[in-house]
Structures are given as structure tokens and as C-alpha cells.
């Protein structure tokens, strides 16, 4: 048996982090803790019910310019994990 990893927060980032931990360390036990009553609550209500998980803007510069506040702070993250990476992540798990 491996380690016991706790992930605080059951939002999209918490679930992605938990999945990444469990995938990279299959012997570890991963538990997600949530203070609210419902896991993935914000994901459920985002996108107006259309499940907006990605977009077709693959260049970080114009993407950062569309964000009213804090866009420049996200440039590094957008440069390291692109929409193509999101699409590939889902496809590797059998989702189109």
C-alpha cells in the first residue's frame, strides 16, 4: 500500500489533480475532501448546460487578451497546458 493523498476541493482542478495523482501513483489512495454539499457543483452549472470544456484559441496571447482581469497572470499556464492537451486528455480516456 502506498501513501494516502488528500485533495482539498472537489472542483474541476481538484478532480483533475486527484485523477493525475491516482494515475501516476496507482498504489496510493486518493481522497477528495469538499466543504460544500455537492462535488463538481460549479462544473455542473458552467457553460449554460452546454459543457464548455475547451475552445479553439490555441495561442496564449489572444486568449489572455480576452480575460478582463488577470489574463497576463494566466499566460504561463496557458502556454503549458493548451486546449489540445485537454482534448488529448479526454480522448486518452475514451471521450471524444
PDB file of N, CA and C in Angstrom:
ATOM      1  N   UNK A   1       0.849  -1.184   0.000  1.00  0.00           N
ATOM      2  CA  UNK A   1       0.000   0.000   0.000  1.00  0.00           C
ATOM      3  C   UNK A   1       0.886   1.236   0.000  1.00  0.00           C
ATOM      4  N   UNK A   2       0.467   2.229  -0.772  1.00  0.00           N
ATOM      5  CA  UNK A   2       1.232   3.465  -0.878  1.00  0.00           C
ATOM      6  C   UNK A   2       0.787   4.491   0.138  1.00  0.00           C
ATOM      7  N   UNK A   3       0.968   5.731  -0.238  1.00  0.00           N
ATOM      8  CA  UNK A   3       0.602   6.858   0.622  1.00  0.00           C
ATOM      9  C   UNK A   3      -0.893   7.129   0.536  1.00  0.00           C
ATOM     10  N   UNK A   4      -1.371   7.961   1.450  1.00  0.00           N
ATOM     11  CA  UNK A   4      -2.748   8.447   1.389  1.00  0.00           C
ATOM     12  C   UNK A   4      -2.671   9.926   1.039  1.00  0.00           C
ATOM     13  N   UNK A   5      -3.188  10.288  -0.124  1.00  0.00           N
ATOM     14  CA  UNK A   5      -3.130  11.660  -0.626  1.00  0.00           C
ATOM     15  C   UNK A   5      -4.509  12.295  -0.456  1.00  0.00           C
ATOM     16  N   UNK A   6      -4.552  13.480   0.154  1.00  0.00           N
ATOM     17  CA  UNK A   6      -5.799  14.224   0.320  1.00  0.00           C
ATOM     18  C   UNK A   6      -5.810  15.391  -0.648  1.00  0.00           C
ATOM     19  N   UNK A   7      -6.898  15.546  -1.370  1.00  0.00           N
ATOM     20  CA  UNK A   7      -7.100  16.677  -2.263  1.00  0.00           C
ATOM     21  C   UNK A   7      -8.209  17.514  -1.649  1.00  0.00           C
ATOM     22  N   UNK A   8      -7.928  18.793  -1.425  1.00  0.00           N
ATOM     23  CA  UNK A   8      -8.906  19.690  -0.821  1.00  0.00           C
ATOM     24  C   UNK A   8      -9.665  20.414  -1.919  1.00  0.00           C
ATOM     25  N   UNK A   9     -10.950  20.162  -2.012  1.00  0.00           N
ATOM     26  CA  UNK A   9     -11.795  20.812  -3.004  1.00  0.00           C
ATOM     27  C   UNK A   9     -12.194  19.869  -4.119  1.00  0.00           C
ATOM     28  N   UNK A  10     -13.498  19.791  -4.357  1.00  0.00           N
ATOM     29  CA  UNK A  10     -13.997  18.872  -5.383  1.00  0.00           C
ATOM     30  C   UNK A  10     -14.446  19.608  -6.636  1.00  0.00           C
ATOM     31  N   UNK A  11     -13.720  20.662  -6.973  1.00  0.00           N
ATOM     32  CA  UNK A  11     -13.979  21.354  -8.232  1.00  0.00           C
ATOM     33  C   UNK A  11     -13.230  20.668  -9.364  1.00  0.00           C
ATOM     34  N   UNK A  12     -13.238  21.286 -10.514  1.00  0.00           N
ATOM     35  CA  UNK A  12     -12.571  20.706 -11.682  1.00  0.00           C
ATOM     36  C   UNK A  12     -11.084  20.487 -11.421  1.00  0.00           C
ATOM     37  N   UNK A  13     -10.413  21.481 -10.823  1.00  0.00           N
ATOM     38  CA  UNK A  13      -8.974  21.352 -10.550  1.00  0.00           C
ATOM     39  C   UNK A  13      -8.711  20.253  -9.535  1.00  0.00           C
ATOM     40  N   UNK A  14      -9.555  20.149  -8.512  1.00  0.00           N
ATOM     41  CA  UNK A  14      -9.391  19.098  -7.508  1.00  0.00           C
ATOM     42  C   UNK A  14      -9.526  17.714  -8.119  1.00  0.00           C
ATOM     43  N   UNK A  15     -10.545  17.536  -8.954  1.00  0.00           N
ATOM     44  CA  UNK A  15     -10.738  16.232  -9.596  1.00  0.00           C
ATOM     45  C   UNK A  15      -9.607  15.920 -10.570  1.00  0.00           C
ATOM     46  N   UNK A  16      -9.183  16.916 -11.354  1.00  0.00           N
ATOM     47  CA  UNK A  16      -8.077  16.684 -12.290  1.00  0.00           C
ATOM     48  C   UNK A  16      -6.807  16.318 -11.525  1.00  0.00           C
ATOM     49  N   UNK A  17      -6.540  17.021 -10.418  1.00  0.00           N
ATOM     50  CA  UNK A  17      -5.376  16.702  -9.597  1.00  0.00           C
ATOM     51  C   UNK A  17      -5.469  15.316  -8.993  1.00  0.00           C
ATOM     52  N   UNK A  18      -6.644  14.936  -8.517  1.00  0.00           N
ATOM     53  CA  UNK A  18      -6.834  13.604  -7.934  1.00  0.00           C
ATOM     54  C   UNK A  18      -6.646  12.502  -8.979  1.00  0.00           C
ATOM     55  N   UNK A  19      -7.189  12.718 -10.165  1.00  0.00           N
ATOM     56  CA  UNK A  19      -7.028  11.743 -11.245  1.00  0.00           C
ATOM     57  C   UNK A  19      -5.560  11.627 -11.637  1.00  0.00           C
ATOM     58  N   UNK A  20      -4.866  12.769 -11.740  1.00  0.00           N
ATOM     59  CA  UNK A  20      -3.445  12.760 -12.088  1.00  0.00           C
ATOM     60  C   UNK A  20      -2.637  12.007 -11.028  1.00  0.00           C
ATOM     61  N   UNK A  21      -2.939  12.242  -9.744  1.00  0.00           N
ATOM     62  CA  UNK A  21      -2.236  11.536  -8.659  1.00  0.00           C
ATOM     63  C   UNK A  21      -2.485  10.039  -8.731  1.00  0.00           C
ATOM     64  N   UNK A  22      -3.752   9.655  -8.893  1.00  0.00           N
ATOM     65  CA  UNK A  22      -4.096   8.233  -8.930  1.00  0.00           C
ATOM     66  C   UNK A  22      -3.489   7.535 -10.142  1.00  0.00           C
ATOM     67  N   UNK A  23      -3.424   8.245 -11.262  1.00  0.00           N
ATOM     68  CA  UNK A  23      -2.843   7.663 -12.470  1.00  0.00           C
ATOM     69  C   UNK A  23      -1.336   7.497 -12.332  1.00  0.00           C
ATOM     70  N   UNK A  24      -0.677   8.507 -11.797  1.00  0.00           N
ATOM     71  CA  UNK A  24       0.786   8.471 -11.660  1.00  0.00           C
ATOM     72  C   UNK A  24       1.249   7.543 -10.532  1.00  0.00           C
ATOM     73  N   UNK A  25       0.411   7.351  -9.528  1.00  0.00           N
ATOM     74  CA  UNK A  25       0.787   6.563  -8.344  1.00  0.00           C
ATOM     75  C   UNK A  25      -0.329   5.573  -8.009  1.00  0.00           C
ATOM     76  N   UNK A  26      -0.487   4.506  -8.790  1.00  0.00           N
ATOM     77  CA  UNK A  26      -1.625   3.611  -8.603  1.00  0.00           C
ATOM     78  C   UNK A  26      -1.680   2.915  -7.239  1.00  0.00           C
ATOM     79  N   UNK A  27      -0.575   2.848  -6.523  1.00  0.00           N
ATOM     80  CA  UNK A  27      -0.582   2.210  -5.203  1.00  0.00           C
ATOM     81  C   UNK A  27      -1.064   3.157  -4.107  1.00  0.00           C
ATOM     82  N   UNK A  28      -1.125   4.447  -4.405  1.00  0.00           N
ATOM     83  CA  UNK A  28      -1.560   5.431  -3.424  1.00  0.00           C
ATOM     84  C   UNK A  28      -3.085   5.482  -3.357  1.00  0.00           C
ATOM     85  N   UNK A  29      -3.589   5.873  -2.215  1.00  0.00           N
ATOM     86  CA  UNK A  29      -5.026   6.077  -2.023  1.00  0.00           C
ATOM     87  C   UNK A  29      -5.286   7.580  -2.092  1.00  0.00           C
ATOM     88  N   UNK A  30      -6.206   7.996  -2.934  1.00  0.00           N
ATOM     89  CA  UNK A  30      -6.509   9.416  -3.120  1.00  0.00           C
ATOM     90  C   UNK A  30      -7.931   9.683  -2.628  1.00  0.00           C
ATOM     91  N   UNK A  31      -8.057  10.678  -1.759  1.00  0.00           N
ATOM     92  CA  UNK A  31      -9.360  11.080  -1.224  1.00  0.00           C
ATOM     93  C   UNK A  31      -9.563  12.558  -1.507  1.00  0.00           C
ATOM     94  N   UNK A  32     -10.769  12.907  -1.984  1.00  0.00           N
ATOM     95  CA  UNK A  32     -11.122  14.295  -2.241  1.00  0.00           C
ATOM     96  C   UNK A  32     -12.035  14.765  -1.110  1.00  0.00           C
ATOM     97  N   UNK A  33     -11.672  15.890  -0.484  1.00  0.00           N
ATOM     98  CA  UNK A  33     -12.485  16.478   0.570  1.00  0.00           C
ATOM     99  C   UNK A  33     -13.175  17.729   0.040  1.00  0.00           C
ATOM    100  N   UNK A  34     -14.446  17.891   0.370  1.00  0.00           N
ATOM    101  CA  UNK A  34     -15.220  19.045  -0.088  1.00  0.00           C
ATOM    102  C   UNK A  34     -16.040  19.582   1.073  1.00  0.00           C
ATOM    103  N   UNK A  35     -15.980  20.895   1.299  1.00  0.00           N
ATOM    104  CA  UNK A  35     -16.742  21.527   2.374  1.00  0.00           C
ATOM    105  C   UNK A  35     -18.209  21.700   1.993  1.00  0.00           C
ATOM    106  N   UNK A  36     -18.466  21.846   0.715  1.00  0.00           N
ATOM    107  CA  UNK A  36     -19.844  22.054   0.263  1.00  0.00           C
ATOM    108  C   UNK A  36     -20.627  20.753   0.228  1.00  0.00           C
ATOM    109  N   UNK A  37     -21.855  20.856  -0.201  1.00  0.00           N
ATOM    110  CA  UNK A  37     -22.740  19.689  -0.214  1.00  0.00           C
ATOM    111  C   UNK A  37     -22.660  18.878  -1.501  1.00  0.00           C
ATOM    112  N   UNK A  38     -22.130  19.484  -2.570  1.00  0.00           N
ATOM    113  CA  UNK A  38     -22.129  18.808  -3.864  1.00  0.00           C
ATOM    114  C   UNK A  38     -20.766  18.910  -4.540  1.00  0.00           C
ATOM    115  N   UNK A  39     -20.255  17.774  -4.972  1.00  0.00           N
ATOM    116  CA  UNK A  39     -18.997  17.762  -5.728  1.00  0.00           C
ATOM    117  C   UNK A  39     -19.243  18.268  -7.149  1.00  0.00           C
ATOM    118  N   UNK A  40     -18.250  18.922  -7.719  1.00  0.00           N
ATOM    119  CA  UNK A  40     -18.290  19.439  -9.093  1.00  0.00           C
ATOM    120  C   UNK A  40     -19.472  20.377  -9.345  1.00  0.00           C
ATOM    121  N   UNK A  41     -19.941  21.051  -8.313  1.00  0.00           N
ATOM    122  CA  UNK A  41     -21.112  21.915  -8.440  1.00  0.00           C
ATOM    123  C   UNK A  41     -20.912  23.024  -9.468  1.00  0.00           C
ATOM    124  N   UNK A  42     -19.762  23.710  -9.448  1.00  0.00           N
ATOM    125  CA  UNK A  42     -19.530  24.795 -10.404  1.00  0.00           C
ATOM    126  C   UNK A  42     -19.378  24.270 -11.828  1.00  0.00           C
ATOM    127  N   UNK A  43     -18.824  23.077 -11.979  1.00  0.00           N
ATOM    128  CA  UNK A  43     -18.700  22.484 -13.311  1.00  0.00           C
ATOM    129  C   UNK A  43     -20.086  22.199 -13.865  1.00  0.00           C
ATOM    130  N   UNK A  44     -20.958  21.733 -13.024  1.00  0.00           N
ATOM    131  CA  UNK A  44     -22.317  21.389 -13.435  1.00  0.00           C
ATOM    132  C   UNK A  44     -23.068  22.613 -13.974  1.00  0.00           C
ATOM    133  N   UNK A  45     -22.838  23.780 -13.372  1.00  0.00           N
ATOM    134  CA  UNK A  45     -23.593  24.965 -13.790  1.00  0.00           C
ATOM    135  C   UNK A  45     -22.859  25.815 -14.822  1.00  0.00           C
ATOM    136  N   UNK A  46     -21.609  25.495 -15.140  1.00  0.00           N
ATOM    137  CA  UNK A  46     -20.858  26.316 -16.097  1.00  0.00           C
ATOM    138  C   UNK A  46     -21.280  26.012 -17.524  1.00  0.00           C
ATOM    139  N   UNK A  47     -21.063  26.957 -18.384  1.00  0.00           N
ATOM    140  CA  UNK A  47     -21.349  26.764 -19.803  1.00  0.00           C
ATOM    141  C   UNK A  47     -22.822  26.787 -20.142  1.00  0.00           C
ATOM    142  N   UNK A  48     -23.664  27.221 -19.244  1.00  0.00           N
ATOM    143  CA  UNK A  48     -25.099  27.273 -19.533  1.00  0.00           C
ATOM    144  C   UNK A  48     -25.676  25.911 -19.853  1.00  0.00           C
ATOM    145  N   UNK A  49     -25.064  24.854 -19.288  1.00  0.00           N
ATOM    146  CA  UNK A  49     -25.538  23.498 -19.549  1.00  0.00           C
ATOM    147  C   UNK A  49     -24.976  22.885 -20.806  1.00  0.00           C
ATOM    148  N   UNK A  50     -24.075  23.596 -21.470  1.00  0.00           N
ATOM    149  CA  UNK A  50     -23.522  23.103 -22.733  1.00  0.00           C
ATOM    150  C   UNK A  50     -22.169  22.438 -22.554  1.00  0.00           C
ATOM    151  N   UNK A  51     -21.700  22.307 -21.337  1.00  0.00           N
ATOM    152  CA  UNK A  51     -20.434  21.636 -21.045  1.00  0.00           C
ATOM    153  C   UNK A  51     -19.263  22.255 -21.799  1.00  0.00           C
ATOM    154  N   UNK A  52     -18.989  23.510 -21.543  1.00  0.00           N
ATOM    155  CA  UNK A  52     -17.913  24.225 -22.207  1.00  0.00           C
ATOM    156  C   UNK A  52     -16.577  23.858 -21.558  1.00  0.00           C
ATOM    157  N   UNK A  53     -15.887  22.882 -22.104  1.00  0.00           N
ATOM    158  CA  UNK A  53     -14.626  22.456 -21.504  1.00  0.00           C
ATOM    159  C   UNK A  53     -13.400  22.898 -22.286  1.00  0.00           C
ATOM    160  N   UNK A  54     -13.557  23.348 -23.517  1.00  0.00           N
ATOM    161  CA  UNK A  54     -12.396  23.786 -24.283  1.00  0.00           C
ATOM    162  C   UNK A  54     -12.827  24.802 -25.351  1.00  0.00           C
ATOM    163  N   UNK A  55     -11.866  25.271 -26.095  1.00  0.00           N
ATOM    164  CA  UNK A  55     -12.098  26.290 -27.106  1.00  0.00           C
ATOM    165  C   UNK A  55     -11.083  26.083 -28.219  1.00  0.00           C
ATOM    166  N   UNK A  56     -11.131  26.924 -29.224  1.00  0.00           N
ATOM    167  CA  UNK A  56     -10.220  26.796 -30.366  1.00  0.00           C
ATOM    168  C   UNK A  56      -9.196  27.910 -30.441  1.00  0.00           C
ATOM    169  N   UNK A  57      -8.912  28.558 -29.331  1.00  0.00           N
ATOM    170  CA  UNK A  57      -7.881  29.592 -29.295  1.00  0.00           C
ATOM    171  C   UNK A  57      -6.605  28.938 -28.762  1.00  0.00           C
ATOM    172  N   UNK A  58      -5.693  28.605 -29.671  1.00  0.00           N
ATOM    173  CA  UNK A  58      -4.503  27.847 -29.289  1.00  0.00           C
ATOM    174  C   UNK A  58      -3.281  28.727 -29.011  1.00  0.00           C
ATOM    175  N   UNK A  59      -3.409  30.031 -29.213  1.00  0.00           N
ATOM    176  CA  UNK A  59      -2.312  30.952 -28.966  1.00  0.00           C
ATOM    177  C   UNK A  59      -2.576  31.672 -27.640  1.00  0.00           C
ATOM    178  N   UNK A  60      -1.672  31.540 -26.655  1.00  0.00           N
ATOM    179  CA  UNK A  60      -1.917  32.146 -25.344  1.00  0.00           C
ATOM    180  C   UNK A  60      -2.108  33.666 -25.365  1.00  0.00           C
ATOM    181  N   UNK A  61      -1.448  34.386 -26.270  1.00  0.00           N
ATOM    182  CA  UNK A  61      -1.548  35.850 -26.276  1.00  0.00           C
ATOM    183  C   UNK A  61      -2.973  36.346 -26.506  1.00  0.00           C
ATOM    184  N   UNK A  62      -3.646  35.948 -27.601  1.00  0.00           N
ATOM    185  CA  UNK A  62      -5.021  36.436 -27.777  1.00  0.00           C
ATOM    186  C   UNK A  62      -5.964  35.909 -26.695  1.00  0.00           C
ATOM    187  N   UNK A  63      -5.707  34.719 -26.208  1.00  0.00           N
ATOM    188  CA  UNK A  63      -6.544  34.172 -25.139  1.00  0.00           C
ATOM    189  C   UNK A  63      -6.440  35.041 -23.888  1.00  0.00           C
ATOM    190  N   UNK A  64      -5.230  35.441 -23.524  1.00  0.00           N
ATOM    191  CA  UNK A  64      -5.031  36.302 -22.354  1.00  0.00           C
ATOM    192  C   UNK A  64      -5.713  37.652 -22.541  1.00  0.00           C
ATOM    193  N   UNK A  65      -5.755  38.141 -23.769  1.00  0.00           N
ATOM    194  CA  UNK A  65      -6.381  39.432 -24.038  1.00  0.00           C
ATOM    195  C   UNK A  65      -7.903  39.396 -23.895  1.00  0.00           C
ATOM    196  N   UNK A  66      -8.505  38.216 -23.886  1.00  0.00           N
ATOM    197  CA  UNK A  66      -9.964  38.117 -23.758  1.00  0.00           C
ATOM    198  C   UNK A  66     -10.422  38.076 -22.307  1.00  0.00           C
ATOM    199  N   UNK A  67      -9.479  37.960 -21.375  1.00  0.00           N
ATOM    200  CA  UNK A  67      -9.820  37.867 -19.960  1.00  0.00           C
ATOM    201  C   UNK A  67      -9.726  39.258 -19.345  1.00  0.00           C
ATOM    202  N   UNK A  68     -10.833  39.780 -18.799  1.00  0.00           N
ATOM    203  CA  UNK A  68     -10.850  41.165 -18.322  1.00  0.00           C
ATOM    204  C   UNK A  68      -9.834  41.464 -17.221  1.00  0.00           C
ATOM    205  N   UNK A  69      -9.672  40.571 -16.253  1.00  0.00           N
ATOM    206  CA  UNK A  69      -8.740  40.797 -15.136  1.00  0.00           C
ATOM    207  C   UNK A  69      -7.900  39.545 -14.930  1.00  0.00           C
ATOM    208  N   UNK A  70      -6.606  39.699 -14.880  1.00  0.00           N
ATOM    209  CA  UNK A  70      -5.721  38.584 -14.562  1.00  0.00           C
ATOM    210  C   UNK A  70      -5.280  37.735 -15.728  1.00  0.00           C
ATOM    211  N   UNK A  71      -5.591  38.158 -16.928  1.00  0.00           N
ATOM    212  CA  UNK A  71      -5.225  37.371 -18.108  1.00  0.00           C
ATOM    213  C   UNK A  71      -3.726  37.163 -18.247  1.00  0.00           C
ATOM    214  N   UNK A  72      -2.957  38.205 -17.974  1.00  0.00           N
ATOM    215  CA  UNK A  72      -1.497  38.086 -18.115  1.00  0.00           C
ATOM    216  C   UNK A  72      -0.919  37.099 -17.100  1.00  0.00           C
ATOM    217  N   UNK A  73      -1.524  37.008 -15.940  1.00  0.00           N
ATOM    218  CA  UNK A  73      -1.045  36.068 -14.918  1.00  0.00           C
ATOM    219  C   UNK A  73      -1.268  34.617 -15.357  1.00  0.00           C
ATOM    220  N   UNK A  74      -2.206  34.397 -16.273  1.00  0.00           N
ATOM    221  CA  UNK A  74      -2.504  33.040 -16.744  1.00  0.00           C
ATOM    222  C   UNK A  74      -1.676  32.637 -17.966  1.00  0.00           C
ATOM    223  N   UNK A  75      -0.895  33.570 -18.505  1.00  0.00           N
ATOM    224  CA  UNK A  75      -0.127  33.283 -19.729  1.00  0.00           C
ATOM    225  C   UNK A  75       0.741  32.033 -19.587  1.00  0.00           C
ATOM    226  N   UNK A  76       1.424  31.881 -18.455  1.00  0.00           N
ATOM    227  CA  UNK A  76       2.284  30.703 -18.252  1.00  0.00           C
ATOM    228  C   UNK A  76       1.501  29.411 -18.266  1.00  0.00           C
ATOM    229  N   UNK A  77       0.383  29.395 -17.557  1.00  0.00           N
ATOM    230  CA  UNK A  77      -0.450  28.188 -17.525  1.00  0.00           C
ATOM    231  C   UNK A  77      -1.001  27.871 -18.910  1.00  0.00           C
ATOM    232  N   UNK A  78      -1.469  28.903 -19.624  1.00  0.00           N
ATOM    233  CA  UNK A  78      -1.998  28.686 -20.969  1.00  0.00           C
ATOM    234  C   UNK A  78      -0.902  28.221 -21.932  1.00  0.00           C
ATOM    235  N   UNK A  79       0.332  28.578 -21.664  1.00  0.00           N
ATOM    236  CA  UNK A  79       1.438  28.147 -22.519  1.00  0.00           C
ATOM    237  C   UNK A  79       1.822  26.699 -22.258  1.00  0.00           C
ATOM    238  N   UNK A  80       1.576  26.218 -21.038  1.00  0.00           N
ATOM    239  CA  UNK A  80       1.973  24.846 -20.676  1.00  0.00           C
ATOM    240  C   UNK A  80       0.874  23.817 -20.872  1.00  0.00           C
ATOM    241  N   UNK A  81      -0.377  24.215 -20.789  1.00  0.00           N
ATOM    242  CA  UNK A  81      -1.487  23.277 -20.939  1.00  0.00           C
ATOM    243  C   UNK A  81      -2.508  23.899 -21.871  1.00  0.00           C
ATOM    244  N   UNK A  82      -2.445  23.519 -23.124  1.00  0.00           N
ATOM    245  CA  UNK A  82      -3.258  24.095 -24.187  1.00  0.00           C
ATOM    246  C   UNK A  82      -4.580  23.336 -24.361  1.00  0.00           C
ATOM    247  N   UNK A  83      -5.525  23.909 -25.101  1.00  0.00           N
ATOM    248  CA  UNK A  83      -6.763  23.189 -25.395  1.00  0.00           C
ATOM    249  C   UNK A  83      -6.514  21.820 -26.039  1.00  0.00           C
ATOM    250  N   UNK A  84      -5.468  21.727 -26.880  1.00  0.00           N
ATOM    251  CA  UNK A  84      -5.148  20.430 -27.483  1.00  0.00           C
ATOM    252  C   UNK A  84      -4.827  19.396 -26.407  1.00  0.00           C
ATOM    253  N   UNK A  85      -4.175  19.835 -25.316  1.00  0.00           N
ATOM    254  CA  UNK A  85      -3.853  18.930 -24.213  1.00  0.00           C
ATOM    255  C   UNK A  85      -5.127  18.455 -23.515  1.00  0.00           C
ATOM    256  N   UNK A  86      -6.089  19.352 -23.359  1.00  0.00           N
ATOM    257  CA  UNK A  86      -7.370  18.984 -22.758  1.00  0.00           C
ATOM    258  C   UNK A  86      -8.079  17.955 -23.621  1.00  0.00           C
ATOM    259  N   UNK A  87      -8.116  18.207 -24.921  1.00  0.00           N
ATOM    260  CA  UNK A  87      -8.758  17.281 -25.860  1.00  0.00           C
ATOM    261  C   UNK A  87      -8.063  15.929 -25.815  1.00  0.00           C
ATOM    262  N   UNK A  88      -6.728  15.917 -25.847  1.00  0.00           N
ATOM    263  CA  UNK A  88      -5.973  14.656 -25.792  1.00  0.00           C
ATOM    264  C   UNK A  88      -6.220  13.915 -24.485  1.00  0.00           C
ATOM    265  N   UNK A  89      -6.331  14.655 -23.366  1.00  0.00           N
ATOM    266  CA  UNK A  89      -6.567  14.040 -22.060  1.00  0.00           C
ATOM    267  C   UNK A  89      -7.898  13.289 -22.070  1.00  0.00           C
ATOM    268  N   UNK A  90      -8.954  13.926 -22.585  1.00  0.00           N
ATOM    269  CA  UNK A  90     -10.259  13.265 -22.655  1.00  0.00           C
ATOM    270  C   UNK A  90     -10.235  12.082 -23.635  1.00  0.00           C
ATOM    271  N   UNK A  91      -9.616  12.271 -24.798  1.00  0.00           N
ATOM    272  CA  UNK A  91      -9.562  11.198 -25.779  1.00  0.00           C
ATOM    273  C   UNK A  91      -8.821   9.974 -25.260  1.00  0.00           C
ATOM    274  N   UNK A  92      -7.745  10.197 -24.468  1.00  0.00           N
ATOM    275  CA  UNK A  92      -6.990   9.076 -23.895  1.00  0.00           C
ATOM    276  C   UNK A  92      -7.848   8.271 -22.924  1.00  0.00           C
ATOM    277  N   UNK A  93      -8.943   8.859 -22.461  1.00  0.00           N
ATOM    278  CA  UNK A  93      -9.844   8.190 -21.531  1.00  0.00           C
ATOM    279  C   UNK A  93     -11.134   7.750 -22.221  1.00  0.00           C
ATOM    280  N   UNK A  94     -11.109   7.739 -23.555  1.00  0.00           N
ATOM    281  CA  UNK A  94     -12.237   7.220 -24.324  1.00  0.00           C
ATOM    282  C   UNK A  94     -13.361   8.201 -24.590  1.00  0.00           C
ATOM    283  N   UNK A  95     -13.132   9.504 -24.359  1.00  0.00           N
ATOM    284  CA  UNK A  95     -14.168  10.509 -24.613  1.00  0.00           C
ATOM    285  C   UNK A  95     -13.793  11.348 -25.823  1.00  0.00           C
ATOM    286  N   UNK A  96     -14.743  11.560 -26.700  1.00  0.00           N
ATOM    287  CA  UNK A  96     -14.482  12.387 -27.887  1.00  0.00           C
ATOM    288  C   UNK A  96     -14.747  13.838 -27.584  1.00  0.00           C
TER     289      UNK A  96
END
